[in-house]
């Protein structure tokens, strides 16, 4: 069942989303050559707690950390640790926060140091795909209109869309109905209604869309070990333009 949120529930989700966005602002200043993914995790956890929120990922399904830190060919669910960022890396950070029983969820891929032009293009196209999907998250559209916008932009740019992992509804649970695939034909699936809240999250690969899971049973990597990028926002369907709950003063990419 897809739950449309009340204004009270949305106010809690705005609070959680704001903490997520502010945490990313803190992390963006710290993502640089030489810092470890574990240090980024501790920074994020301390900041979220300082804002009166709870790190939503820590303990979720047994995940051991506050952020997912996925480098280069890692698609999602990378576990932070001793690994240090190197010049030319790209790192996808996914994180969530919970306040008053409601959640915000977002992801950004950051370049580290001097990154190749093709890696930067992958990052740019993935972020563009996110906002194209968000633009279709409007009342009376169909869910797959979001999916089609993301897939078509990624594929016309020469990249592929991960099939095995998708976006999701979000609210009083981190993962609610519906699933939000990043691929599919338009005009299908549930009709979008005001008050629906979705976490839209394209995961775009430089090579094949196929992935595999490492032996730690968490980290997902591309099957061909080529780069992957990941962007995500939590949004609410309104009577007009969708409201992004996990964004503060971040410029949309130009298209």
C-alpha atoms as a PDB file:
ATOM      1  CA  UNK A   1       0.000   0.000   0.000  1.00  0.00           C
ATOM      2  CA  UNK A   2       1.288   3.468  -0.922  1.00  0.00           C
ATOM      3  CA  UNK A   3       0.844   5.904   1.965  1.00  0.00           C
ATOM      4  CA  UNK A   4       0.044   9.573   1.314  1.00  0.00           C
ATOM      5  CA  UNK A   5       1.494  11.656   4.127  1.00  0.00           C
ATOM      6  CA  UNK A   6      -0.323  14.240   6.234  1.00  0.00           C
ATOM      7  CA  UNK A   7       1.094  17.731   6.672  1.00  0.00           C
ATOM      8  CA  UNK A   8       2.281  16.763  10.161  1.00  0.00           C
ATOM      9  CA  UNK A   9       4.129  13.757   8.771  1.00  0.00           C
ATOM     10  CA  UNK A  10       5.649  15.883   6.031  1.00  0.00           C
ATOM     11  CA  UNK A  11       6.906  18.370   8.593  1.00  0.00           C
ATOM     12  CA  UNK A  12       8.821  15.559  10.310  1.00  0.00           C
ATOM     13  CA  UNK A  13      10.186  14.393   6.957  1.00  0.00           C
ATOM     14  CA  UNK A  14      11.305  17.946   6.149  1.00  0.00           C
ATOM     15  CA  UNK A  15      13.194  17.993   9.451  1.00  0.00           C
ATOM     16  CA  UNK A  16      14.874  14.662   8.664  1.00  0.00           C
ATOM     17  CA  UNK A  17      15.622  15.717   5.100  1.00  0.00           C
ATOM     18  CA  UNK A  18      17.196  18.957   6.252  1.00  0.00           C
ATOM     19  CA  UNK A  19      19.563  17.056   8.560  1.00  0.00           C
ATOM     20  CA  UNK A  20      20.556  14.797   5.666  1.00  0.00           C
ATOM     21  CA  UNK A  21      21.260  17.787   3.433  1.00  0.00           C
ATOM     22  CA  UNK A  22      23.253  19.560   6.142  1.00  0.00           C
ATOM     23  CA  UNK A  23      25.270  16.395   6.747  1.00  0.00           C
ATOM     24  CA  UNK A  24      26.199  16.271   3.083  1.00  0.00           C
ATOM     25  CA  UNK A  25      27.323  19.898   3.261  1.00  0.00           C
ATOM     26  CA  UNK A  26      29.671  18.875   6.078  1.00  0.00           C
ATOM     27  CA  UNK A  27      30.925  15.817   4.201  1.00  0.00           C
ATOM     28  CA  UNK A  28      31.530  17.730   0.975  1.00  0.00           C
ATOM     29  CA  UNK A  29      34.106  19.874   2.772  1.00  0.00           C
ATOM     30  CA  UNK A  30      35.905  16.751   4.005  1.00  0.00           C
ATOM     31  CA  UNK A  31      35.959  14.571   0.873  1.00  0.00           C
ATOM     32  CA  UNK A  32      39.581  14.931  -0.195  1.00  0.00           C
ATOM     33  CA  UNK A  33      42.662  12.863  -0.873  1.00  0.00           C
ATOM     34  CA  UNK A  34      43.933  11.058   2.231  1.00  0.00           C
ATOM     35  CA  UNK A  35      40.790  10.903   4.363  1.00  0.00           C
ATOM     36  CA  UNK A  36      39.479   7.421   5.144  1.00  0.00           C
ATOM     37  CA  UNK A  37      35.916   6.300   4.568  1.00  0.00           C
ATOM     38  CA  UNK A  38      35.762   5.459   8.278  1.00  0.00           C
ATOM     39  CA  UNK A  39      36.623   9.047   9.173  1.00  0.00           C
ATOM     40  CA  UNK A  40      33.828  10.288   6.907  1.00  0.00           C
ATOM     41  CA  UNK A  41      31.462   7.868   8.626  1.00  0.00           C
ATOM     42  CA  UNK A  42      32.334   9.175  12.093  1.00  0.00           C
ATOM     43  CA  UNK A  43      31.956  12.765  10.907  1.00  0.00           C
ATOM     44  CA  UNK A  44      28.490  12.005   9.545  1.00  0.00           C
ATOM     45  CA  UNK A  45      27.376  10.134  12.656  1.00  0.00           C
ATOM     46  CA  UNK A  46      28.535  12.861  15.027  1.00  0.00           C
ATOM     47  CA  UNK A  47      26.884  15.577  12.948  1.00  0.00           C
ATOM     48  CA  UNK A  48      23.533  13.773  12.640  1.00  0.00           C
ATOM     49  CA  UNK A  49      23.415  13.141  16.388  1.00  0.00           C
ATOM     50  CA  UNK A  50      24.358  16.767  17.099  1.00  0.00           C
ATOM     51  CA  UNK A  51      21.226  17.810  15.211  1.00  0.00           C
ATOM     52  CA  UNK A  52      18.987  15.694  17.422  1.00  0.00           C
ATOM     53  CA  UNK A  53      18.486  13.015  14.785  1.00  0.00           C
ATOM     54  CA  UNK A  54      19.404   9.349  14.554  1.00  0.00           C
ATOM     55  CA  UNK A  55      21.616   7.822  11.842  1.00  0.00           C
ATOM     56  CA  UNK A  56      19.022   5.847   9.907  1.00  0.00           C
ATOM     57  CA  UNK A  57      21.318   3.322   8.254  1.00  0.00           C
ATOM     58  CA  UNK A  58      23.234   2.161  11.330  1.00  0.00           C
ATOM     59  CA  UNK A  59      21.762  -1.192  12.315  1.00  0.00           C
ATOM     60  CA  UNK A  60      19.224  -1.168   9.461  1.00  0.00           C
ATOM     61  CA  UNK A  61      19.032  -4.802   8.309  1.00  0.00           C
ATOM     62  CA  UNK A  62      22.300  -5.215  10.233  1.00  0.00           C
ATOM     63  CA  UNK A  63      24.307  -2.582   8.331  1.00  0.00           C
ATOM     64  CA  UNK A  64      27.267  -1.607  10.563  1.00  0.00           C
ATOM     65  CA  UNK A  65      27.754   2.085   9.728  1.00  0.00           C
ATOM     66  CA  UNK A  66      26.109   5.504   9.358  1.00  0.00           C
ATOM     67  CA  UNK A  67      26.960   6.017   5.691  1.00  0.00           C
ATOM     68  CA  UNK A  68      27.341   3.755   2.700  1.00  0.00           C
ATOM     69  CA  UNK A  69      30.689   4.682   1.130  1.00  0.00           C
ATOM     70  CA  UNK A  70      31.077   3.160  -2.336  1.00  0.00           C
ATOM     71  CA  UNK A  71      34.243   3.859  -4.334  1.00  0.00           C
ATOM     72  CA  UNK A  72      34.751   3.649  -8.080  1.00  0.00           C
ATOM     73  CA  UNK A  73      33.305   0.301  -9.279  1.00  0.00           C
ATOM     74  CA  UNK A  74      31.282  -0.057  -6.058  1.00  0.00           C
ATOM     75  CA  UNK A  75      27.639   0.706  -6.806  1.00  0.00           C
ATOM     76  CA  UNK A  76      25.987   0.763  -3.376  1.00  0.00           C
ATOM     77  CA  UNK A  77      26.319  -0.444   0.221  1.00  0.00           C
ATOM     78  CA  UNK A  78      30.063   0.038   0.576  1.00  0.00           C
ATOM     79  CA  UNK A  79      31.102  -0.350   4.233  1.00  0.00           C
ATOM     80  CA  UNK A  80      33.282   2.481   5.603  1.00  0.00           C
ATOM     81  CA  UNK A  81      36.628   1.525   7.084  1.00  0.00           C
ATOM     82  CA  UNK A  82      40.374   2.138   6.822  1.00  0.00           C
ATOM     83  CA  UNK A  83      40.458   2.693   3.055  1.00  0.00           C
ATOM     84  CA  UNK A  84      41.735   6.182   2.200  1.00  0.00           C
ATOM     85  CA  UNK A  85      40.579   8.255  -0.738  1.00  0.00           C
ATOM     86  CA  UNK A  86      43.074   8.570  -3.583  1.00  0.00           C
ATOM     87  CA  UNK A  87      43.483  11.155  -6.306  1.00  0.00           C
ATOM     88  CA  UNK A  88      41.148  10.242  -9.178  1.00  0.00           C
ATOM     89  CA  UNK A  89      38.666   8.244  -7.098  1.00  0.00           C
ATOM     90  CA  UNK A  90      34.949   8.848  -7.156  1.00  0.00           C
ATOM     91  CA  UNK A  91      32.965   8.103  -3.990  1.00  0.00           C
ATOM     92  CA  UNK A  92      29.222   7.598  -3.726  1.00  0.00           C
ATOM     93  CA  UNK A  93      27.934   8.413  -0.244  1.00  0.00           C
ATOM     94  CA  UNK A  94      24.412   7.348   0.721  1.00  0.00           C
ATOM     95  CA  UNK A  95      22.996   8.336   4.097  1.00  0.00           C
ATOM     96  CA  UNK A  96      19.761   8.758   6.001  1.00  0.00           C
ATOM     97  CA  UNK A  97      18.467  10.393   9.160  1.00  0.00           C
ATOM     98  CA  UNK A  98      15.403   9.808  11.340  1.00  0.00           C
ATOM     99  CA  UNK A  99      13.545  12.356  13.459  1.00  0.00           C
ATOM    100  CA  UNK A 100      10.276  11.723  15.308  1.00  0.00           C
ATOM    101  CA  UNK A 101       9.948   8.377  13.568  1.00  0.00           C
ATOM    102  CA  UNK A 102      10.243   9.739  10.010  1.00  0.00           C
ATOM    103  CA  UNK A 103      13.074   9.427   7.522  1.00  0.00           C
ATOM    104  CA  UNK A 104      15.112  11.301   4.946  1.00  0.00           C
ATOM    105  CA  UNK A 105      17.414   9.543   2.466  1.00  0.00           C
ATOM    106  CA  UNK A 106      19.863  10.924  -0.090  1.00  0.00           C
ATOM    107  CA  UNK A 107      23.024  10.068  -2.034  1.00  0.00           C
ATOM    108  CA  UNK A 108      25.717  12.045  -3.837  1.00  0.00           C
ATOM    109  CA  UNK A 109      28.764  10.952  -5.860  1.00  0.00           C
ATOM    110  CA  UNK A 110      31.810  13.157  -5.247  1.00  0.00           C
ATOM    111  CA  UNK A 111      35.007  13.392  -7.316  1.00  0.00           C
ATOM    112  CA  UNK A 112      38.254  13.130  -5.354  1.00  0.00           C
ATOM    113  CA  UNK A 113      41.120  15.294  -6.538  1.00  0.00           C
ATOM    114  CA  UNK A 114      41.899  15.194 -10.261  1.00  0.00           C
ATOM    115  CA  UNK A 115      39.250  12.937 -11.795  1.00  0.00           C
ATOM    116  CA  UNK A 116      39.113  11.798 -15.425  1.00  0.00           C
ATOM    117  CA  UNK A 117      36.823  13.641 -17.820  1.00  0.00           C
ATOM    118  CA  UNK A 118      34.812  10.464 -18.447  1.00  0.00           C
ATOM    119  CA  UNK A 119      34.297   9.930 -14.710  1.00  0.00           C
ATOM    120  CA  UNK A 120      33.110  13.528 -14.398  1.00  0.00           C
ATOM    121  CA  UNK A 121      30.722  12.978 -17.304  1.00  0.00           C
ATOM    122  CA  UNK A 122      29.317   9.884 -15.577  1.00  0.00           C
ATOM    123  CA  UNK A 123      28.756  11.892 -12.391  1.00  0.00           C
ATOM    124  CA  UNK A 124      27.109  14.718 -14.328  1.00  0.00           C
ATOM    125  CA  UNK A 125      24.796  12.481 -16.340  1.00  0.00           C
ATOM    126  CA  UNK A 126      23.712  10.588 -13.214  1.00  0.00           C
ATOM    127  CA  UNK A 127      22.826  13.807 -11.389  1.00  0.00           C
ATOM    128  CA  UNK A 128      20.999  15.083 -14.467  1.00  0.00           C
ATOM    129  CA  UNK A 129      19.065  11.799 -14.628  1.00  0.00           C
ATOM    130  CA  UNK A 130      17.994  12.243 -11.010  1.00  0.00           C
ATOM    131  CA  UNK A 131      16.531  15.693 -11.677  1.00  0.00           C
ATOM    132  CA  UNK A 132      14.866  14.551 -14.897  1.00  0.00           C
ATOM    133  CA  UNK A 133      13.212  11.783 -12.876  1.00  0.00           C
ATOM    134  CA  UNK A 134      12.199  14.235 -10.154  1.00  0.00           C
ATOM    135  CA  UNK A 135      10.640  16.508 -12.794  1.00  0.00           C
ATOM    136  CA  UNK A 136       8.293  13.643 -13.718  1.00  0.00           C
ATOM    137  CA  UNK A 137       7.276  13.073 -10.063  1.00  0.00           C
ATOM    138  CA  UNK A 138       4.047  15.020 -10.427  1.00  0.00           C
ATOM    139  CA  UNK A 139       0.466  14.296  -9.494  1.00  0.00           C
ATOM    140  CA  UNK A 140      -1.432  12.280 -12.127  1.00  0.00           C
ATOM    141  CA  UNK A 141       1.738  11.053 -13.842  1.00  0.00           C
ATOM    142  CA  UNK A 142       2.491   7.340 -13.668  1.00  0.00           C
ATOM    143  CA  UNK A 143       5.338   5.961 -11.566  1.00  0.00           C
ATOM    144  CA  UNK A 144       7.170   4.614 -14.605  1.00  0.00           C
ATOM    145  CA  UNK A 145       7.322   8.107 -16.109  1.00  0.00           C
ATOM    146  CA  UNK A 146      10.074   8.711 -13.526  1.00  0.00           C
ATOM    147  CA  UNK A 147      11.801   5.470 -14.515  1.00  0.00           C
ATOM    148  CA  UNK A 148      11.684   6.225 -18.236  1.00  0.00           C
ATOM    149  CA  UNK A 149      13.114   9.725 -17.809  1.00  0.00           C
ATOM    150  CA  UNK A 150      16.104   8.337 -15.910  1.00  0.00           C
ATOM    151  CA  UNK A 151      16.786   5.413 -18.235  1.00  0.00           C
ATOM    152  CA  UNK A 152      16.450   7.341 -21.472  1.00  0.00           C
ATOM    153  CA  UNK A 153      18.859  10.070 -20.350  1.00  0.00           C
ATOM    154  CA  UNK A 154      21.454   7.590 -19.100  1.00  0.00           C
ATOM    155  CA  UNK A 155      21.354   5.376 -22.156  1.00  0.00           C
ATOM    156  CA  UNK A 156      21.414   8.166 -24.724  1.00  0.00           C
ATOM    157  CA  UNK A 157      24.562   9.340 -22.945  1.00  0.00           C
ATOM    158  CA  UNK A 158      26.188   5.929 -23.474  1.00  0.00           C
ATOM    159  CA  UNK A 159      25.794   4.584 -19.941  1.00  0.00           C
ATOM    160  CA  UNK A 160      23.709   1.790 -18.403  1.00  0.00           C
ATOM    161  CA  UNK A 161      21.130   1.692 -15.611  1.00  0.00           C
ATOM    162  CA  UNK A 162      21.396  -0.760 -12.723  1.00  0.00           C
ATOM    163  CA  UNK A 163      18.365  -3.081 -12.639  1.00  0.00           C
ATOM    164  CA  UNK A 164      18.948  -4.965  -9.405  1.00  0.00           C
ATOM    165  CA  UNK A 165      18.544  -1.964  -7.075  1.00  0.00           C
ATOM    166  CA  UNK A 166      15.804   0.652  -7.222  1.00  0.00           C
ATOM    167  CA  UNK A 167      14.352   3.662  -5.443  1.00  0.00           C
ATOM    168  CA  UNK A 168      11.515   3.346  -2.973  1.00  0.00           C
ATOM    169  CA  UNK A 169       8.745   4.930  -1.002  1.00  0.00           C
ATOM    170  CA  UNK A 170       9.798   6.427   2.318  1.00  0.00           C
ATOM    171  CA  UNK A 171       8.148   7.835   5.433  1.00  0.00           C
ATOM    172  CA  UNK A 172       7.765   6.236   8.840  1.00  0.00           C
ATOM    173  CA  UNK A 173       9.879   3.400   7.417  1.00  0.00           C
ATOM    174  CA  UNK A 174      13.056   3.791   5.414  1.00  0.00           C
ATOM    175  CA  UNK A 175      11.666   1.520   2.717  1.00  0.00           C
ATOM    176  CA  UNK A 176       7.970   1.661   1.860  1.00  0.00           C
ATOM    177  CA  UNK A 177       5.898   0.936  -1.215  1.00  0.00           C
ATOM    178  CA  UNK A 178       6.270   1.570  -4.091  1.00  0.00           C
ATOM    179  CA  UNK A 179       9.535   0.451  -5.583  1.00  0.00           C
ATOM    180  CA  UNK A 180      10.837   3.104  -7.998  1.00  0.00           C
ATOM    181  CA  UNK A 181      12.839   1.439 -10.796  1.00  0.00           C
ATOM    182  CA  UNK A 182      15.295   3.519 -12.799  1.00  0.00           C
ATOM    183  CA  UNK A 183      14.242   1.823 -16.035  1.00  0.00           C
ATOM    184  CA  UNK A 184      10.984   1.012 -17.827  1.00  0.00           C
ATOM    185  CA  UNK A 185       8.445   2.207 -20.346  1.00  0.00           C
ATOM    186  CA  UNK A 186       6.407   5.341 -19.557  1.00  0.00           C
ATOM    187  CA  UNK A 187       2.742   5.387 -18.595  1.00  0.00           C
ATOM    188  CA  UNK A 188       2.785   2.335 -16.339  1.00  0.00           C
ATOM    189  CA  UNK A 189       2.461   1.644 -12.628  1.00  0.00           C
ATOM    190  CA  UNK A 190       0.510   3.524  -9.946  1.00  0.00           C
ATOM    191  CA  UNK A 191      -0.770   7.012 -10.643  1.00  0.00           C
ATOM    192  CA  UNK A 192       1.083   9.550  -8.510  1.00  0.00           C
ATOM    193  CA  UNK A 193      -0.950  11.427  -5.890  1.00  0.00           C
ATOM    194  CA  UNK A 194      -0.312  14.438  -3.688  1.00  0.00           C
ATOM    195  CA  UNK A 195       1.336  13.442  -0.416  1.00  0.00           C
ATOM    196  CA  UNK A 196       3.237  10.452  -1.789  1.00  0.00           C
ATOM    197  CA  UNK A 197       6.890  10.506  -0.732  1.00  0.00           C
ATOM    198  CA  UNK A 198       9.560   8.821  -2.820  1.00  0.00           C
ATOM    199  CA  UNK A 199      13.305   8.277  -2.650  1.00  0.00           C
ATOM    200  CA  UNK A 200      14.387   8.518  -6.286  1.00  0.00           C
ATOM    201  CA  UNK A 201      17.918   7.180  -6.818  1.00  0.00           C
ATOM    202  CA  UNK A 202      19.496   6.457 -10.187  1.00  0.00           C
ATOM    203  CA  UNK A 203      22.551   4.198 -10.129  1.00  0.00           C
ATOM    204  CA  UNK A 204      24.332   4.561 -13.461  1.00  0.00           C
ATOM    205  CA  UNK A 205      27.263   2.480 -14.718  1.00  0.00           C
ATOM    206  CA  UNK A 206      29.969   3.288 -17.238  1.00  0.00           C
ATOM    207  CA  UNK A 207      29.852  -0.247 -18.632  1.00  0.00           C
ATOM    208  CA  UNK A 208      27.407  -3.101 -18.144  1.00  0.00           C
ATOM    209  CA  UNK A 209      24.354  -2.693 -15.911  1.00  0.00           C
ATOM    210  CA  UNK A 210      25.085  -6.086 -14.334  1.00  0.00           C
ATOM    211  CA  UNK A 211      26.338  -6.188 -10.741  1.00  0.00           C
ATOM    212  CA  UNK A 212      27.495  -8.665  -8.112  1.00  0.00           C
ATOM    213  CA  UNK A 213      27.778  -8.643  -4.319  1.00  0.00           C
ATOM    214  CA  UNK A 214      31.142  -9.057  -2.586  1.00  0.00           C
ATOM    215  CA  UNK A 215      31.830 -11.661   0.079  1.00  0.00           C
ATOM    216  CA  UNK A 216      30.978  -9.206   2.885  1.00  0.00           C
ATOM    217  CA  UNK A 217      27.359  -9.640   1.724  1.00  0.00           C
ATOM    218  CA  UNK A 218      26.892  -5.856   1.474  1.00  0.00           C
ATOM    219  CA  UNK A 219      29.079  -4.144  -1.100  1.00  0.00           C
ATOM    220  CA  UNK A 220      27.661  -4.264  -4.624  1.00  0.00           C
ATOM    221  CA  UNK A 221      30.106  -3.781  -7.521  1.00  0.00           C
ATOM    222  CA  UNK A 222      29.808  -3.595 -11.292  1.00  0.00           C
ATOM    223  CA  UNK A 223      30.357  -6.945 -12.972  1.00  0.00           C
ATOM    224  CA  UNK A 224      32.975  -5.488 -15.328  1.00  0.00           C
ATOM    225  CA  UNK A 225      34.657  -3.360 -12.604  1.00  0.00           C
ATOM    226  CA  UNK A 226      33.903  -0.119 -14.466  1.00  0.00           C
ATOM    227  CA  UNK A 227      32.824   3.019 -12.614  1.00  0.00           C
ATOM    228  CA  UNK A 228      29.372   3.598 -11.140  1.00  0.00           C
ATOM    229  CA  UNK A 229      27.690   6.790  -9.859  1.00  0.00           C
ATOM    230  CA  UNK A 230      24.698   7.255  -7.559  1.00  0.00           C
ATOM    231  CA  UNK A 231      22.488  10.235  -6.750  1.00  0.00           C
ATOM    232  CA  UNK A 232      19.308  10.312  -4.646  1.00  0.00           C
ATOM    233  CA  UNK A 233      16.761  12.703  -3.181  1.00  0.00           C
ATOM    234  CA  UNK A 234      13.664  12.253  -1.043  1.00  0.00           C
ATOM    235  CA  UNK A 235      10.749  14.105  -2.654  1.00  0.00           C
ATOM    236  CA  UNK A 236       7.058  14.666  -2.006  1.00  0.00           C
ATOM    237  CA  UNK A 237       4.406  14.811  -4.721  1.00  0.00           C
ATOM    238  CA  UNK A 238       2.505  18.106  -4.566  1.00  0.00           C
ATOM    239  CA  UNK A 239      -0.122  19.865  -6.640  1.00  0.00           C
ATOM    240  CA  UNK A 240       2.672  21.340  -8.759  1.00  0.00           C
ATOM    241  CA  UNK A 241       6.427  20.974  -8.856  1.00  0.00           C
ATOM    242  CA  UNK A 242       7.712  18.172  -6.612  1.00  0.00           C
ATOM    243  CA  UNK A 243       9.256  19.303  -3.331  1.00  0.00           C
ATOM    244  CA  UNK A 244      12.775  18.028  -2.652  1.00  0.00           C
ATOM    245  CA  UNK A 245      13.118  17.341   1.078  1.00  0.00           C
ATOM    246  CA  UNK A 246      16.851  16.552   1.128  1.00  0.00           C
ATOM    247  CA  UNK A 247      18.249  19.622  -0.615  1.00  0.00           C
ATOM    248  CA  UNK A 248      19.541  22.933   0.681  1.00  0.00           C
ATOM    249  CA  UNK A 249      21.129  25.492  -1.618  1.00  0.00           C
ATOM    250  CA  UNK A 250      22.420  22.859  -4.038  1.00  0.00           C
ATOM    251  CA  UNK A 251      22.295  23.970  -7.656  1.00  0.00           C
ATOM    252  CA  UNK A 252      20.528  21.727 -10.116  1.00  0.00           C
ATOM    253  CA  UNK A 253      22.750  20.623 -12.998  1.00  0.00           C
ATOM    254  CA  UNK A 254      22.167  22.532 -16.227  1.00  0.00           C
ATOM    255  CA  UNK A 255      20.735  20.499 -19.074  1.00  0.00           C
END
